[in-house]
Amino acid sequence: MIGISPRQLEVFVAVAALGSVRAAAEQLHLTQPAASMALAGLERRIGVVLFDRARQRLHLNARGRAMLPQAREVLVRMQALERNAAASPDELLGELRIGASNT
């Protein structure tokens, strides 16, 4: 197991979307130091710098852009896992799509 935490991925995705650790921390209801530590821990764990840093703004570099879709997918799958695990055995799971016509 690589040891990347869901929190680290959440911070990474939020920083990528918002461009700053401060804004990501606010969105995730974390302190700025906690968000910074999560992002630094992720970069340290994978041994790759994910952002170019300039004037308190963070911009995804090529490695970060490559990792972002995978990080989002992992978070989506983790949310689905939590929903499925919490469901009762008799509960229907999945997506229901309904279509209707005007006629």
Protein backbone atom coordinates (compact mmCIF):
# COMPACT_ATOMS: atom_id res chain seq x y z
CA MET A 1 0.00 0.00 0.00
CA ILE A 2 1.36 3.38 -0.95
CA GLY A 3 0.02 5.21 2.12
CA ILE A 4 -1.78 8.14 0.51
CA SER A 5 -4.67 9.29 2.68
CA PRO A 6 -8.08 10.41 1.46
CA ARG A 7 -7.49 13.74 3.21
CA GLN A 8 -4.30 14.30 1.19
CA LEU A 9 -6.20 13.63 -2.03
CA GLU A 10 -9.03 15.96 -0.98
CA VAL A 11 -6.54 18.73 -0.28
CA PHE A 12 -4.72 18.12 -3.57
CA VAL A 13 -7.96 18.28 -5.58
CA ALA A 14 -9.18 21.39 -3.74
CA VAL A 15 -5.86 23.23 -4.14
CA ALA A 16 -5.84 22.35 -7.84
CA ALA A 17 -9.34 23.78 -8.22
CA LEU A 18 -8.88 26.89 -6.07
CA GLY A 19 -5.22 27.76 -6.60
CA SER A 20 -4.31 28.26 -2.97
CA VAL A 21 -3.89 26.23 0.18
CA ARG A 22 -5.78 28.85 2.19
CA ALA A 23 -8.88 28.64 -0.02
CA ALA A 24 -8.72 24.84 -0.06
CA ALA A 25 -8.42 24.76 3.73
CA GLU A 26 -11.49 26.97 4.09
CA GLN A 27 -13.50 24.80 1.69
CA LEU A 28 -12.49 21.61 3.52
CA HIS A 29 -12.95 23.15 7.00
CA LEU A 30 -9.28 22.66 7.87
CA THR A 31 -6.69 25.01 9.23
CA GLN A 32 -4.25 26.34 6.66
CA PRO A 33 -1.30 24.58 8.35
CA ALA A 34 -3.20 21.25 8.31
CA ALA A 35 -3.92 21.61 4.59
CA SER A 36 -0.31 22.60 3.89
CA MET A 37 0.94 19.58 5.83
CA ALA A 38 -1.42 17.25 3.94
CA LEU A 39 -0.23 18.56 0.58
CA ALA A 40 3.44 18.45 1.59
CA GLY A 41 2.95 14.92 2.93
CA LEU A 42 1.40 13.80 -0.35
CA GLU A 43 4.25 15.26 -2.39
CA ARG A 44 6.80 13.72 -0.03
CA ARG A 45 5.07 10.31 -0.10
CA ILE A 46 5.00 10.08 -3.89
CA GLY A 47 8.32 11.86 -4.34
CA VAL A 48 6.95 14.34 -6.85
CA VAL A 49 6.24 18.08 -6.74
CA LEU A 50 2.69 18.61 -8.03
CA PHE A 51 2.49 22.40 -8.12
CA ASP A 52 4.57 25.31 -9.28
CA ARG A 53 4.51 27.92 -6.55
CA ALA A 54 4.53 31.63 -7.32
CA ARG A 55 3.40 34.57 -5.17
CA GLN A 56 1.22 32.52 -2.82
CA ARG A 57 -0.55 30.89 -5.79
CA LEU A 58 -0.17 27.27 -6.75
CA HIS A 59 -0.42 26.12 -10.35
CA LEU A 60 -0.52 22.47 -11.32
CA ASN A 61 2.61 21.37 -13.13
CA ALA A 62 2.64 18.52 -15.67
CA ARG A 63 2.86 15.84 -12.96
CA GLY A 64 -0.01 17.41 -11.05
CA ARG A 65 -2.17 17.63 -14.18
CA ALA A 66 -1.50 13.95 -14.87
CA MET A 67 -2.41 12.93 -11.32
CA LEU A 68 -5.53 15.08 -10.90
CA PRO A 69 -8.04 12.89 -12.82
CA GLN A 70 -6.83 9.82 -10.96
CA ALA A 71 -7.14 11.56 -7.60
CA ARG A 72 -10.69 12.63 -8.43
CA GLU A 73 -11.58 9.09 -9.50
CA VAL A 74 -10.19 7.62 -6.27
CA LEU A 75 -12.28 10.05 -4.21
CA VAL A 76 -15.44 9.22 -6.20
CA ARG A 77 -14.83 5.51 -5.71
CA MET A 78 -14.21 5.97 -1.99
CA GLN A 79 -17.50 7.85 -1.64
CA ALA A 80 -19.30 5.04 -3.49
CA LEU A 81 -17.64 2.48 -1.21
CA GLU A 82 -18.84 4.36 1.87
CA ARG A 83 -22.40 4.58 0.50
CA ASN A 84 -22.48 0.91 -0.42
CA ALA A 85 -21.04 -0.19 2.92
CA ALA A 86 -23.63 1.85 4.81
CA ALA A 87 -26.58 0.52 2.79
CA SER A 88 -28.82 -2.18 4.19
CA PRO A 89 -28.77 -5.56 2.42
CA ASP A 90 -32.34 -5.02 1.17
CA GLU A 91 -31.66 -1.55 -0.18
CA LEU A 92 -31.32 -1.08 -3.91
CA LEU A 93 -28.09 0.58 -4.94
CA GLY A 94 -27.00 2.25 -8.11
CA GLU A 95 -28.03 5.01 -10.41
CA LEU A 96 -31.60 5.31 -11.72
CA ARG A 97 -32.15 7.25 -14.91
CA ILE A 98 -35.66 8.16 -15.96
CA GLY A 99 -36.62 9.57 -19.32
CA ALA A 100 -39.91 11.08 -20.42
CA SER A 101 -41.27 12.46 -23.65
CA ASN A 102 -43.55 15.43 -24.20
CA THR A 103 -46.13 13.41 -26.16
